[in-house]
Amino acid sequence: MPRATLPPEARLHRPSEFAAALKGRRLARGAFFVLSGAPNSLLPGQPEQARLGMVIAKRYAARATTRNAIKRVIRESFRHHRQQLPARDYVVRLHSKPAAATLTELKRQVRAEVDAHFSRVRP
């Protein structure tokens, strides 16, 4: 079984890549996140694979520690699901303010929701 890593080729980098994925279809929506996806916008010669982008706005998660923890959990979930996901560009966007909770509880809630979203997308 291949290692669950997240190399730079598996992430969205350019604003145009984020814009294309956000204009794509909304694949899942939950209490905190919206998962959007669109066909890959790869350069010629790059292998087809699932790629991840995240939009975690300061408006919904004011503290940097909260934003960083959310991103870390999303990346970890994507690492575990990446091999089974269709080759598309995915953007996970925070759309509401999380309720006041400890960081550990927030991570648990984020992981459960993001895992459910990625599981729904898997074929």
PDB file of N, CA and C in Angstrom:
ATOM      1  N   MET A   1       0.844  -1.182   0.000  1.00  0.00           N
ATOM      2  CA  MET A   1       0.000   0.000   0.000  1.00  0.00           C
ATOM      3  C   MET A   1       0.887   1.242   0.000  1.00  0.00           C
ATOM      4  N   PRO A   2       0.613   2.219  -0.868  1.00  0.00           N
ATOM      5  CA  PRO A   2       1.450   3.420  -0.915  1.00  0.00           C
ATOM      6  C   PRO A   2       1.285   4.269   0.346  1.00  0.00           C
ATOM      7  N   ARG A   3       2.327   5.007   0.653  1.00  0.00           N
ATOM      8  CA  ARG A   3       2.280   5.883   1.828  1.00  0.00           C
ATOM      9  C   ARG A   3       1.276   6.992   1.604  1.00  0.00           C
ATOM     10  N   ALA A   4       0.623   7.401   2.683  1.00  0.00           N
ATOM     11  CA  ALA A   4      -0.336   8.499   2.613  1.00  0.00           C
ATOM     12  C   ALA A   4       0.419   9.805   2.840  1.00  0.00           C
ATOM     13  N   THR A   5       0.939  10.373   1.761  1.00  0.00           N
ATOM     14  CA  THR A   5       1.680  11.626   1.866  1.00  0.00           C
ATOM     15  C   THR A   5       0.923  12.713   1.110  1.00  0.00           C
ATOM     16  N   LEU A   6       1.355  13.928   1.255  1.00  0.00           N
ATOM     17  CA  LEU A   6       0.744  15.041   0.541  1.00  0.00           C
ATOM     18  C   LEU A   6       1.840  15.874  -0.106  1.00  0.00           C
ATOM     19  N   PRO A   7       2.317  15.437  -1.278  1.00  0.00           N
ATOM     20  CA  PRO A   7       3.375  16.182  -1.964  1.00  0.00           C
ATOM     21  C   PRO A   7       2.831  17.482  -2.549  1.00  0.00           C
ATOM     22  N   PRO A   8       3.697  18.395  -2.941  1.00  0.00           N
ATOM     23  CA  PRO A   8       3.238  19.664  -3.529  1.00  0.00           C
ATOM     24  C   PRO A   8       2.352  19.484  -4.758  1.00  0.00           C
ATOM     25  N   GLU A   9       2.540  18.392  -5.500  1.00  0.00           N
ATOM     26  CA  GLU A   9       1.722  18.163  -6.695  1.00  0.00           C
ATOM     27  C   GLU A   9       0.274  17.842  -6.340  1.00  0.00           C
ATOM     28  N   ALA A  10      -0.002  17.525  -5.088  1.00  0.00           N
ATOM     29  CA  ALA A  10      -1.349  17.155  -4.654  1.00  0.00           C
ATOM     30  C   ALA A  10      -2.073  18.326  -3.998  1.00  0.00           C
ATOM     31  N   ARG A  11      -1.529  19.541  -4.172  1.00  0.00           N
ATOM     32  CA  ARG A  11      -2.168  20.718  -3.578  1.00  0.00           C
ATOM     33  C   ARG A  11      -2.431  21.754  -4.664  1.00  0.00           C
ATOM     34  N   LEU A  12      -3.430  22.578  -4.438  1.00  0.00           N
ATOM     35  CA  LEU A  12      -3.692  23.705  -5.337  1.00  0.00           C
ATOM     36  C   LEU A  12      -2.822  24.860  -4.887  1.00  0.00           C
ATOM     37  N   HIS A  13      -2.225  25.572  -5.846  1.00  0.00           N
ATOM     38  CA  HIS A  13      -1.315  26.659  -5.504  1.00  0.00           C
ATOM     39  C   HIS A  13      -1.774  28.008  -6.060  1.00  0.00           C
ATOM     40  N   ARG A  14      -2.250  28.032  -7.282  1.00  0.00           N
ATOM     41  CA  ARG A  14      -2.567  29.299  -7.954  1.00  0.00           C
ATOM     42  C   ARG A  14      -4.000  29.736  -7.687  1.00  0.00           C
ATOM     43  N   PRO A  15      -4.230  31.034  -7.621  1.00  0.00           N
ATOM     44  CA  PRO A  15      -5.598  31.534  -7.453  1.00  0.00           C
ATOM     45  C   PRO A  15      -6.542  31.057  -8.560  1.00  0.00           C
ATOM     46  N   SER A  16      -6.023  30.895  -9.773  1.00  0.00           N
ATOM     47  CA  SER A  16      -6.874  30.424 -10.867  1.00  0.00           C
ATOM     48  C   SER A  16      -7.333  28.985 -10.627  1.00  0.00           C
ATOM     49  N   GLU A  17      -6.492  28.162 -10.001  1.00  0.00           N
ATOM     50  CA  GLU A  17      -6.881  26.787  -9.677  1.00  0.00           C
ATOM     51  C   GLU A  17      -7.979  26.772  -8.614  1.00  0.00           C
ATOM     52  N   PHE A  18      -7.835  27.636  -7.600  1.00  0.00           N
ATOM     53  CA  PHE A  18      -8.862  27.736  -6.566  1.00  0.00           C
ATOM     54  C   PHE A  18     -10.176  28.225  -7.173  1.00  0.00           C
ATOM     55  N   ALA A  19     -10.097  29.239  -8.025  1.00  0.00           N
ATOM     56  CA  ALA A  19     -11.310  29.802  -8.636  1.00  0.00           C
ATOM     57  C   ALA A  19     -12.033  28.756  -9.481  1.00  0.00           C
ATOM     58  N   ALA A  20     -11.287  27.982 -10.245  1.00  0.00           N
ATOM     59  CA  ALA A  20     -11.909  26.954 -11.084  1.00  0.00           C
ATOM     60  C   ALA A  20     -12.593  25.894 -10.227  1.00  0.00           C
ATOM     61  N   ALA A  21     -11.951  25.481  -9.150  1.00  0.00           N
ATOM     62  CA  ALA A  21     -12.542  24.455  -8.275  1.00  0.00           C
ATOM     63  C   ALA A  21     -13.762  24.999  -7.533  1.00  0.00           C
ATOM     64  N   LEU A  22     -13.711  26.267  -7.130  1.00  0.00           N
ATOM     65  CA  LEU A  22     -14.850  26.847  -6.421  1.00  0.00           C
ATOM     66  C   LEU A  22     -16.041  27.075  -7.353  1.00  0.00           C
ATOM     67  N   LYS A  23     -15.775  27.303  -8.636  1.00  0.00           N
ATOM     68  CA  LYS A  23     -16.862  27.450  -9.610  1.00  0.00           C
ATOM     69  C   LYS A  23     -17.474  26.113  -9.981  1.00  0.00           C
ATOM     70  N   GLY A  24     -16.751  25.037  -9.681  1.00  0.00           N
ATOM     71  CA  GLY A  24     -17.236  23.696  -9.999  1.00  0.00           C
ATOM     72  C   GLY A  24     -18.428  23.323  -9.133  1.00  0.00           C
ATOM     73  N   ARG A  25     -18.773  22.061  -9.200  1.00  0.00           N
ATOM     74  CA  ARG A  25     -19.931  21.550  -8.489  1.00  0.00           C
ATOM     75  C   ARG A  25     -19.707  21.494  -6.988  1.00  0.00           C
ATOM     76  N   ARG A  26     -20.753  21.801  -6.218  1.00  0.00           N
ATOM     77  CA  ARG A  26     -20.676  21.618  -4.771  1.00  0.00           C
ATOM     78  C   ARG A  26     -20.961  20.145  -4.504  1.00  0.00           C
ATOM     79  N   LEU A  27     -19.996  19.456  -3.919  1.00  0.00           N
ATOM     80  CA  LEU A  27     -20.090  18.021  -3.720  1.00  0.00           C
ATOM     81  C   LEU A  27     -20.697  17.645  -2.380  1.00  0.00           C
ATOM     82  N   ALA A  28     -20.465  18.473  -1.358  1.00  0.00           N
ATOM     83  CA  ALA A  28     -20.989  18.167  -0.029  1.00  0.00           C
ATOM     84  C   ALA A  28     -21.029  19.458   0.791  1.00  0.00           C
ATOM     85  N   ARG A  29     -21.984  19.495   1.717  1.00  0.00           N
ATOM     86  CA  ARG A  29     -22.096  20.636   2.624  1.00  0.00           C
ATOM     87  C   ARG A  29     -22.473  20.107   3.993  1.00  0.00           C
ATOM     88  N   GLY A  30     -21.789  20.611   5.013  1.00  0.00           N
ATOM     89  CA  GLY A  30     -22.055  20.172   6.372  1.00  0.00           C
ATOM     90  C   GLY A  30     -22.204  21.361   7.297  1.00  0.00           C
ATOM     91  N   ALA A  31     -22.052  21.107   8.586  1.00  0.00           N
ATOM     92  CA  ALA A  31     -22.213  22.156   9.583  1.00  0.00           C
ATOM     93  C   ALA A  31     -21.140  23.233   9.461  1.00  0.00           C
ATOM     94  N   PHE A  32     -19.916  22.846   9.096  1.00  0.00           N
ATOM     95  CA  PHE A  32     -18.813  23.801   9.027  1.00  0.00           C
ATOM     96  C   PHE A  32     -18.290  24.042   7.615  1.00  0.00           C
ATOM     97  N   PHE A  33     -18.298  23.014   6.775  1.00  0.00           N
ATOM     98  CA  PHE A  33     -17.563  23.075   5.518  1.00  0.00           C
ATOM     99  C   PHE A  33     -18.431  22.833   4.298  1.00  0.00           C
ATOM    100  N   VAL A  34     -17.964  23.401   3.180  1.00  0.00           N
ATOM    101  CA  VAL A  34     -18.510  23.113   1.858  1.00  0.00           C
ATOM    102  C   VAL A  34     -17.359  22.527   1.055  1.00  0.00           C
ATOM    103  N   LEU A  35     -17.617  21.385   0.410  1.00  0.00           N
ATOM    104  CA  LEU A  35     -16.615  20.742  -0.438  1.00  0.00           C
ATOM    105  C   LEU A  35     -17.023  20.948  -1.878  1.00  0.00           C
ATOM    106  N   SER A  36     -16.177  21.641  -2.643  1.00  0.00           N
ATOM    107  CA  SER A  36     -16.414  21.877  -4.064  1.00  0.00           C
ATOM    108  C   SER A  36     -15.365  21.122  -4.862  1.00  0.00           C
ATOM    109  N   GLY A  37     -15.731  20.772  -6.085  1.00  0.00           N
ATOM    110  CA  GLY A  37     -14.783  20.052  -6.923  1.00  0.00           C
ATOM    111  C   GLY A  37     -14.987  20.361  -8.382  1.00  0.00           C
ATOM    112  N   ALA A  38     -13.931  20.240  -9.146  1.00  0.00           N
ATOM    113  CA  ALA A  38     -13.965  20.478 -10.586  1.00  0.00           C
ATOM    114  C   ALA A  38     -12.906  19.590 -11.228  1.00  0.00           C
ATOM    115  N   PRO A  39     -13.028  19.336 -12.532  1.00  0.00           N
ATOM    116  CA  PRO A  39     -11.984  18.551 -13.214  1.00  0.00           C
ATOM    117  C   PRO A  39     -10.621  19.217 -13.042  1.00  0.00           C
ATOM    118  N   ASN A  40      -9.587  18.387 -13.018  1.00  0.00           N
ATOM    119  CA  ASN A  40      -8.226  18.900 -12.839  1.00  0.00           C
ATOM    120  C   ASN A  40      -7.872  19.928 -13.902  1.00  0.00           C
ATOM    121  N   SER A  41      -7.165  20.960 -13.466  1.00  0.00           N
ATOM    122  CA  SER A  41      -6.621  21.949 -14.395  1.00  0.00           C
ATOM    123  C   SER A  41      -5.104  21.782 -14.415  1.00  0.00           C
ATOM    124  N   LEU A  42      -4.676  20.594 -14.826  1.00  0.00           N
ATOM    125  CA  LEU A  42      -3.251  20.256 -14.797  1.00  0.00           C
ATOM    126  C   LEU A  42      -2.526  20.747 -16.040  1.00  0.00           C
ATOM    127  N   LEU A  43      -1.252  20.974 -15.885  1.00  0.00           N
ATOM    128  CA  LEU A  43      -0.390  21.292 -17.015  1.00  0.00           C
ATOM    129  C   LEU A  43      -0.083  19.998 -17.758  1.00  0.00           C
ATOM    130  N   PRO A  44       0.223  20.078 -19.043  1.00  0.00           N
ATOM    131  CA  PRO A  44       0.554  18.856 -19.781  1.00  0.00           C
ATOM    132  C   PRO A  44       1.745  18.132 -19.155  1.00  0.00           C
ATOM    133  N   GLY A  45       1.634  16.817 -19.093  1.00  0.00           N
ATOM    134  CA  GLY A  45       2.716  16.023 -18.536  1.00  0.00           C
ATOM    135  C   GLY A  45       2.570  15.708 -17.060  1.00  0.00           C
ATOM    136  N   GLN A  46       1.661  16.372 -16.351  1.00  0.00           N
ATOM    137  CA  GLN A  46       1.448  16.070 -14.948  1.00  0.00           C
ATOM    138  C   GLN A  46       0.482  14.898 -14.822  1.00  0.00           C
ATOM    139  N   PRO A  47       0.740  14.000 -13.872  1.00  0.00           N
ATOM    140  CA  PRO A  47      -0.155  12.848 -13.708  1.00  0.00           C
ATOM    141  C   PRO A  47      -1.506  13.286 -13.124  1.00  0.00           C
ATOM    142  N   GLU A  48      -2.569  12.589 -13.529  1.00  0.00           N
ATOM    143  CA  GLU A  48      -3.907  12.867 -13.001  1.00  0.00           C
ATOM    144  C   GLU A  48      -3.969  12.385 -11.553  1.00  0.00           C
ATOM    145  N   GLN A  49      -4.376  13.247 -10.644  1.00  0.00           N
ATOM    146  CA  GLN A  49      -4.508  12.890  -9.241  1.00  0.00           C
ATOM    147  C   GLN A  49      -5.426  13.876  -8.544  1.00  0.00           C
ATOM    148  N   ALA A  50      -5.931  13.493  -7.397  1.00  0.00           N
ATOM    149  CA  ALA A  50      -6.760  14.388  -6.597  1.00  0.00           C
ATOM    150  C   ALA A  50      -5.859  15.455  -5.976  1.00  0.00           C
ATOM    151  N   ARG A  51      -6.333  16.708  -6.015  1.00  0.00           N
ATOM    152  CA  ARG A  51      -5.567  17.815  -5.425  1.00  0.00           C
ATOM    153  C   ARG A  51      -6.454  18.575  -4.463  1.00  0.00           C
ATOM    154  N   LEU A  52      -5.858  19.142  -3.421  1.00  0.00           N
ATOM    155  CA  LEU A  52      -6.594  19.792  -2.342  1.00  0.00           C
ATOM    156  C   LEU A  52      -6.261  21.269  -2.230  1.00  0.00           C
ATOM    157  N   GLY A  53      -7.287  22.065  -1.976  1.00  0.00           N
ATOM    158  CA  GLY A  53      -7.134  23.467  -1.631  1.00  0.00           C
ATOM    159  C   GLY A  53      -8.039  23.750  -0.437  1.00  0.00           C
ATOM    160  N   MET A  54      -7.664  24.709   0.381  1.00  0.00           N
ATOM    161  CA  MET A  54      -8.462  25.045   1.564  1.00  0.00           C
ATOM    162  C   MET A  54      -8.662  26.548   1.634  1.00  0.00           C
ATOM    163  N   VAL A  55      -9.858  26.951   2.031  1.00  0.00           N
ATOM    164  CA  VAL A  55     -10.169  28.349   2.269  1.00  0.00           C
ATOM    165  C   VAL A  55     -10.721  28.425   3.690  1.00  0.00           C
ATOM    166  N   ILE A  56      -9.895  28.877   4.614  1.00  0.00           N
ATOM    167  CA  ILE A  56     -10.278  28.983   6.018  1.00  0.00           C
ATOM    168  C   ILE A  56     -10.181  30.466   6.375  1.00  0.00           C
ATOM    169  N   ALA A  57     -11.311  31.150   6.303  1.00  0.00           N
ATOM    170  CA  ALA A  57     -11.331  32.608   6.466  1.00  0.00           C
ATOM    171  C   ALA A  57     -11.178  33.030   7.925  1.00  0.00           C
ATOM    172  N   LYS A  58     -10.481  34.131   8.103  1.00  0.00           N
ATOM    173  CA  LYS A  58     -10.292  34.698   9.428  1.00  0.00           C
ATOM    174  C   LYS A  58     -11.620  35.155  10.029  1.00  0.00           C
ATOM    175  N   ARG A  59     -12.576  35.461   9.182  1.00  0.00           N
ATOM    176  CA  ARG A  59     -13.893  35.908   9.631  1.00  0.00           C
ATOM    177  C   ARG A  59     -14.591  34.818  10.456  1.00  0.00           C
ATOM    178  N   TYR A  60     -14.367  33.545  10.108  1.00  0.00           N
ATOM    179  CA  TYR A  60     -15.025  32.435  10.798  1.00  0.00           C
ATOM    180  C   TYR A  60     -14.151  31.784  11.864  1.00  0.00           C
ATOM    181  N   ALA A  61     -12.859  31.887  11.740  1.00  0.00           N
ATOM    182  CA  ALA A  61     -11.925  31.332  12.731  1.00  0.00           C
ATOM    183  C   ALA A  61     -10.897  32.420  13.008  1.00  0.00           C
ATOM    184  N   ALA A  62     -11.171  33.247  14.005  1.00  0.00           N
ATOM    185  CA  ALA A  62     -10.383  34.453  14.230  1.00  0.00           C
ATOM    186  C   ALA A  62      -8.954  34.162  14.700  1.00  0.00           C
ATOM    187  N   ARG A  63      -8.772  33.115  15.476  1.00  0.00           N
ATOM    188  CA  ARG A  63      -7.443  32.838  16.029  1.00  0.00           C
ATOM    189  C   ARG A  63      -6.614  31.990  15.061  1.00  0.00           C
ATOM    190  N   ALA A  64      -5.358  32.350  14.926  1.00  0.00           N
ATOM    191  CA  ALA A  64      -4.458  31.630  14.020  1.00  0.00           C
ATOM    192  C   ALA A  64      -4.295  30.168  14.446  1.00  0.00           C
ATOM    193  N   THR A  65      -4.277  29.918  15.744  1.00  0.00           N
ATOM    194  CA  THR A  65      -4.133  28.529  16.205  1.00  0.00           C
ATOM    195  C   THR A  65      -5.332  27.688  15.767  1.00  0.00           C
ATOM    196  N   THR A  66      -6.508  28.279  15.776  1.00  0.00           N
ATOM    197  CA  THR A  66      -7.703  27.562  15.335  1.00  0.00           C
ATOM    198  C   THR A  66      -7.635  27.281  13.849  1.00  0.00           C
ATOM    199  N   ARG A  67      -7.286  28.280  13.049  1.00  0.00           N
ATOM    200  CA  ARG A  67      -7.186  28.091  11.598  1.00  0.00           C
ATOM    201  C   ARG A  67      -6.144  27.036  11.250  1.00  0.00           C
ATOM    202  N   ASN A  68      -4.989  27.093  11.902  1.00  0.00           N
ATOM    203  CA  ASN A  68      -3.928  26.129  11.625  1.00  0.00           C
ATOM    204  C   ASN A  68      -4.336  24.713  12.018  1.00  0.00           C
ATOM    205  N   ALA A  69      -5.018  24.571  13.146  1.00  0.00           N
ATOM    206  CA  ALA A  69      -5.470  23.247  13.580  1.00  0.00           C
ATOM    207  C   ALA A  69      -6.481  22.678  12.591  1.00  0.00           C
ATOM    208  N   ILE A  70      -7.405  23.514  12.115  1.00  0.00           N
ATOM    209  CA  ILE A  70      -8.408  23.069  11.145  1.00  0.00           C
ATOM    210  C   ILE A  70      -7.714  22.613   9.861  1.00  0.00           C
ATOM    211  N   LYS A  71      -6.772  23.397   9.370  1.00  0.00           N
ATOM    212  CA  LYS A  71      -6.060  23.033   8.139  1.00  0.00           C
ATOM    213  C   LYS A  71      -5.292  21.728   8.309  1.00  0.00           C
ATOM    214  N   ARG A  72      -4.655  21.560   9.451  1.00  0.00           N
ATOM    215  CA  ARG A  72      -3.884  20.351   9.705  1.00  0.00           C
ATOM    216  C   ARG A  72      -4.776  19.108   9.666  1.00  0.00           C
ATOM    217  N   VAL A  73      -5.959  19.212  10.269  1.00  0.00           N
ATOM    218  CA  VAL A  73      -6.882  18.078  10.299  1.00  0.00           C
ATOM    219  C   VAL A  73      -7.423  17.789   8.900  1.00  0.00           C
ATOM    220  N   ILE A  74      -7.733  18.825   8.129  1.00  0.00           N
ATOM    221  CA  ILE A  74      -8.229  18.626   6.757  1.00  0.00           C
ATOM    222  C   ILE A  74      -7.159  17.946   5.904  1.00  0.00           C
ATOM    223  N   ARG A  75      -5.919  18.414   6.000  1.00  0.00           N
ATOM    224  CA  ARG A  75      -4.836  17.792   5.232  1.00  0.00           C
ATOM    225  C   ARG A  75      -4.663  16.323   5.609  1.00  0.00           C
ATOM    226  N   GLU A  76      -4.742  16.016   6.891  1.00  0.00           N
ATOM    227  CA  GLU A  76      -4.582  14.638   7.342  1.00  0.00           C
ATOM    228  C   GLU A  76      -5.705  13.760   6.795  1.00  0.00           C
ATOM    229  N   SER A  77      -6.921  14.247   6.804  1.00  0.00           N
ATOM    230  CA  SER A  77      -8.040  13.493   6.260  1.00  0.00           C
ATOM    231  C   SER A  77      -7.863  13.270   4.761  1.00  0.00           C
ATOM    232  N   PHE A  78      -7.444  14.318   4.053  1.00  0.00           N
ATOM    233  CA  PHE A  78      -7.230  14.198   2.608  1.00  0.00           C
ATOM    234  C   PHE A  78      -6.135  13.187   2.297  1.00  0.00           C
ATOM    235  N   ARG A  79      -5.070  13.176   3.106  1.00  0.00           N
ATOM    236  CA  ARG A  79      -3.986  12.210   2.908  1.00  0.00           C
ATOM    237  C   ARG A  79      -4.525  10.780   2.926  1.00  0.00           C
ATOM    238  N   HIS A  80      -5.411  10.502   3.857  1.00  0.00           N
ATOM    239  CA  HIS A  80      -5.935   9.143   4.003  1.00  0.00           C
ATOM    240  C   HIS A  80      -6.906   8.766   2.891  1.00  0.00           C
ATOM    241  N   HIS A  81      -7.605   9.724   2.320  1.00  0.00           N
ATOM    242  CA  HIS A  81      -8.600   9.443   1.290  1.00  0.00           C
ATOM    243  C   HIS A  81      -8.082   9.663  -0.126  1.00  0.00           C
ATOM    244  N   ARG A  82      -6.919  10.281  -0.284  1.00  0.00           N
ATOM    245  CA  ARG A  82      -6.440  10.730  -1.591  1.00  0.00           C
ATOM    246  C   ARG A  82      -6.349   9.620  -2.628  1.00  0.00           C
ATOM    247  N   GLN A  83      -5.886   8.450  -2.258  1.00  0.00           N
ATOM    248  CA  GLN A  83      -5.708   7.357  -3.221  1.00  0.00           C
ATOM    249  C   GLN A  83      -7.042   6.844  -3.766  1.00  0.00           C
ATOM    250  N   GLN A  84      -8.128   6.984  -2.999  1.00  0.00           N
ATOM    251  CA  GLN A  84      -9.427   6.480  -3.428  1.00  0.00           C
ATOM    252  C   GLN A  84     -10.283   7.540  -4.113  1.00  0.00           C
ATOM    253  N   LEU A  85      -9.897   8.801  -4.024  1.00  0.00           N
ATOM    254  CA  LEU A  85     -10.707   9.888  -4.605  1.00  0.00           C
ATOM    255  C   LEU A  85     -10.502   9.967  -6.117  1.00  0.00           C
ATOM    256  N   PRO A  86     -11.555  10.360  -6.860  1.00  0.00           N
ATOM    257  CA  PRO A  86     -11.383  10.599  -8.294  1.00  0.00           C
ATOM    258  C   PRO A  86     -10.394  11.746  -8.526  1.00  0.00           C
ATOM    259  N   ALA A  87      -9.738  11.729  -9.671  1.00  0.00           N
ATOM    260  CA  ALA A  87      -8.740  12.756 -10.005  1.00  0.00           C
ATOM    261  C   ALA A  87      -9.458  14.062 -10.328  1.00  0.00           C
ATOM    262  N   ARG A  88      -9.616  14.898  -9.325  1.00  0.00           N
ATOM    263  CA  ARG A  88     -10.277  16.203  -9.447  1.00  0.00           C
ATOM    264  C   ARG A  88      -9.562  17.185  -8.537  1.00  0.00           C
ATOM    265  N   ASP A  89      -9.893  18.461  -8.700  1.00  0.00           N
ATOM    266  CA  ASP A  89      -9.423  19.499  -7.780  1.00  0.00           C
ATOM    267  C   ASP A  89     -10.519  19.713  -6.753  1.00  0.00           C
ATOM    268  N   TYR A  90     -10.183  19.632  -5.470  1.00  0.00           N
ATOM    269  CA  TYR A  90     -11.144  19.793  -4.392  1.00  0.00           C
ATOM    270  C   TYR A  90     -10.767  21.011  -3.562  1.00  0.00           C
ATOM    271  N   VAL A  91     -11.782  21.779  -3.155  1.00  0.00           N
ATOM    272  CA  VAL A  91     -11.572  22.895  -2.241  1.00  0.00           C
ATOM    273  C   VAL A  91     -12.517  22.720  -1.062  1.00  0.00           C
ATOM    274  N   VAL A  92     -11.943  22.731   0.141  1.00  0.00           N
ATOM    275  CA  VAL A  92     -12.719  22.677   1.369  1.00  0.00           C
ATOM    276  C   VAL A  92     -12.775  24.101   1.894  1.00  0.00           C
ATOM    277  N   ARG A  93     -14.002  24.623   2.047  1.00  0.00           N
ATOM    278  CA  ARG A  93     -14.187  26.013   2.476  1.00  0.00           C
ATOM    279  C   ARG A  93     -14.980  26.053   3.769  1.00  0.00           C
ATOM    280  N   LEU A  94     -14.455  26.757   4.763  1.00  0.00           N
ATOM    281  CA  LEU A  94     -15.160  26.965   6.024  1.00  0.00           C
ATOM    282  C   LEU A  94     -16.255  27.989   5.775  1.00  0.00           C
ATOM    283  N   HIS A  95     -17.512  27.641   6.084  1.00  0.00           N
ATOM    284  CA  HIS A  95     -18.605  28.566   5.774  1.00  0.00           C
ATOM    285  C   HIS A  95     -19.360  29.049   7.001  1.00  0.00           C
ATOM    286  N   SER A  96     -19.006  28.576   8.184  1.00  0.00           N
ATOM    287  CA  SER A  96     -19.660  29.080   9.388  1.00  0.00           C
ATOM    288  C   SER A  96     -18.689  29.025  10.557  1.00  0.00           C
ATOM    289  N   LYS A  97     -18.989  29.822  11.555  1.00  0.00           N
ATOM    290  CA  LYS A  97     -18.132  29.912  12.724  1.00  0.00           C
ATOM    291  C   LYS A  97     -18.356  28.697  13.619  1.00  0.00           C
ATOM    292  N   PRO A  98     -17.281  27.981  13.965  1.00  0.00           N
ATOM    293  CA  PRO A  98     -17.445  26.840  14.870  1.00  0.00           C
ATOM    294  C   PRO A  98     -17.872  27.301  16.260  1.00  0.00           C
ATOM    295  N   ALA A  99     -18.658  26.474  16.927  1.00  0.00           N
ATOM    296  CA  ALA A  99     -19.094  26.795  18.288  1.00  0.00           C
ATOM    297  C   ALA A  99     -17.885  26.790  19.222  1.00  0.00           C
ATOM    298  N   ALA A 100     -18.009  27.508  20.307  1.00  0.00           N
ATOM    299  CA  ALA A 100     -16.919  27.562  21.275  1.00  0.00           C
ATOM    300  C   ALA A 100     -16.701  26.170  21.860  1.00  0.00           C
ATOM    301  N   ALA A 101     -15.498  25.662  21.692  1.00  0.00           N
ATOM    302  CA  ALA A 101     -15.138  24.338  22.192  1.00  0.00           C
ATOM    303  C   ALA A 101     -13.629  24.294  22.381  1.00  0.00           C
ATOM    304  N   THR A 102     -13.174  23.276  23.076  1.00  0.00           N
ATOM    305  CA  THR A 102     -11.729  23.119  23.221  1.00  0.00           C
ATOM    306  C   THR A 102     -11.150  22.768  21.851  1.00  0.00           C
ATOM    307  N   LEU A 103      -9.872  22.988  21.685  1.00  0.00           N
ATOM    308  CA  LEU A 103      -9.215  22.697  20.413  1.00  0.00           C
ATOM    309  C   LEU A 103      -9.294  21.205  20.086  1.00  0.00           C
ATOM    310  N   THR A 104      -9.193  20.367  21.089  1.00  0.00           N
ATOM    311  CA  THR A 104      -9.289  18.925  20.881  1.00  0.00           C
ATOM    312  C   THR A 104     -10.670  18.542  20.369  1.00  0.00           C
ATOM    313  N   GLU A 105     -11.698  19.098  20.974  1.00  0.00           N
ATOM    314  CA  GLU A 105     -13.069  18.800  20.537  1.00  0.00           C
ATOM    315  C   GLU A 105     -13.317  19.351  19.133  1.00  0.00           C
ATOM    316  N   LEU A 106     -12.801  20.533  18.840  1.00  0.00           N
ATOM    317  CA  LEU A 106     -12.946  21.110  17.505  1.00  0.00           C
ATOM    318  C   LEU A 106     -12.283  20.210  16.461  1.00  0.00           C
ATOM    319  N   LYS A 107     -11.078  19.729  16.750  1.00  0.00           N
ATOM    320  CA  LYS A 107     -10.387  18.833  15.815  1.00  0.00           C
ATOM    321  C   LYS A 107     -11.204  17.572  15.573  1.00  0.00           C
ATOM    322  N   ARG A 108     -11.809  17.037  16.616  1.00  0.00           N
ATOM    323  CA  ARG A 108     -12.620  15.830  16.489  1.00  0.00           C
ATOM    324  C   ARG A 108     -13.828  16.091  15.588  1.00  0.00           C
ATOM    325  N   GLN A 109     -14.490  17.235  15.776  1.00  0.00           N
ATOM    326  CA  GLN A 109     -15.657  17.581  14.962  1.00  0.00           C
ATOM    327  C   GLN A 109     -15.261  17.803  13.504  1.00  0.00           C
ATOM    328  N   VAL A 110     -14.157  18.522  13.296  1.00  0.00           N
ATOM    329  CA  VAL A 110     -13.682  18.796  11.937  1.00  0.00           C
ATOM    330  C   VAL A 110     -13.341  17.494  11.236  1.00  0.00           C
ATOM    331  N   ARG A 111     -12.635  16.605  11.904  1.00  0.00           N
ATOM    332  CA  ARG A 111     -12.227  15.344  11.289  1.00  0.00           C
ATOM    333  C   ARG A 111     -13.440  14.505  10.896  1.00  0.00           C
ATOM    334  N   ALA A 112     -14.433  14.455  11.777  1.00  0.00           N
ATOM    335  CA  ALA A 112     -15.629  13.662  11.478  1.00  0.00           C
ATOM    336  C   ALA A 112     -16.352  14.203  10.249  1.00  0.00           C
ATOM    337  N   GLU A 113     -16.499  15.524  10.177  1.00  0.00           N
ATOM    338  CA  GLU A 113     -17.218  16.108   9.046  1.00  0.00           C
ATOM    339  C   GLU A 113     -16.445  15.970   7.736  1.00  0.00           C
ATOM    340  N   VAL A 114     -15.158  16.251   7.756  1.00  0.00           N
ATOM    341  CA  VAL A 114     -14.366  16.179   6.530  1.00  0.00           C
ATOM    342  C   VAL A 114     -14.250  14.733   6.047  1.00  0.00           C
ATOM    343  N   ASP A 115     -14.086  13.790   6.963  1.00  0.00           N
ATOM    344  CA  ASP A 115     -14.064  12.374   6.565  1.00  0.00           C
ATOM    345  C   ASP A 115     -15.370  11.984   5.893  1.00  0.00           C
ATOM    346  N   ALA A 116     -16.484  12.451   6.435  1.00  0.00           N
ATOM    347  CA  ALA A 116     -17.788  12.145   5.835  1.00  0.00           C
ATOM    348  C   ALA A 116     -17.894  12.730   4.432  1.00  0.00           C
ATOM    349  N   HIS A 117     -17.406  13.951   4.236  1.00  0.00           N
ATOM    350  CA  HIS A 117     -17.455  14.581   2.913  1.00  0.00           C
ATOM    351  C   HIS A 117     -16.615  13.804   1.900  1.00  0.00           C
ATOM    352  N   PHE A 118     -15.383  13.459   2.272  1.00  0.00           N
ATOM    353  CA  PHE A 118     -14.521  12.727   1.347  1.00  0.00           C
ATOM    354  C   PHE A 118     -15.057  11.321   1.085  1.00  0.00           C
ATOM    355  N   SER A 119     -15.654  10.700   2.081  1.00  0.00           N
ATOM    356  CA  SER A 119     -16.244   9.365   1.879  1.00  0.00           C
ATOM    357  C   SER A 119     -17.420   9.438   0.909  1.00  0.00           C
ATOM    358  N   ARG A 120     -18.177  10.510   0.960  1.00  0.00           N
ATOM    359  CA  ARG A 120     -19.312  10.672   0.062  1.00  0.00           C
ATOM    360  C   ARG A 120     -18.846  10.822  -1.386  1.00  0.00           C
ATOM    361  N   VAL A 121     -17.701  11.423  -1.599  1.00  0.00           N
ATOM    362  CA  VAL A 121     -17.190  11.671  -2.953  1.00  0.00           C
ATOM    363  C   VAL A 121     -16.563  10.426  -3.559  1.00  0.00           C
ATOM    364  N   ARG A 122     -16.031   9.543  -2.718  1.00  0.00           N
ATOM    365  CA  ARG A 122     -15.367   8.340  -3.228  1.00  0.00           C
ATOM    366  C   ARG A 122     -16.320   7.497  -4.051  1.00  0.00           C
ATOM    367  N   PRO A 123     -15.813   6.890  -5.127  1.00  0.00           N
ATOM    368  CA  PRO A 123     -16.694   6.044  -5.969  1.00  0.00           C
ATOM    369  C   PRO A 123     -17.057   4.738  -5.292  1.00  0.00           C
TER     370      PRO A 123
END
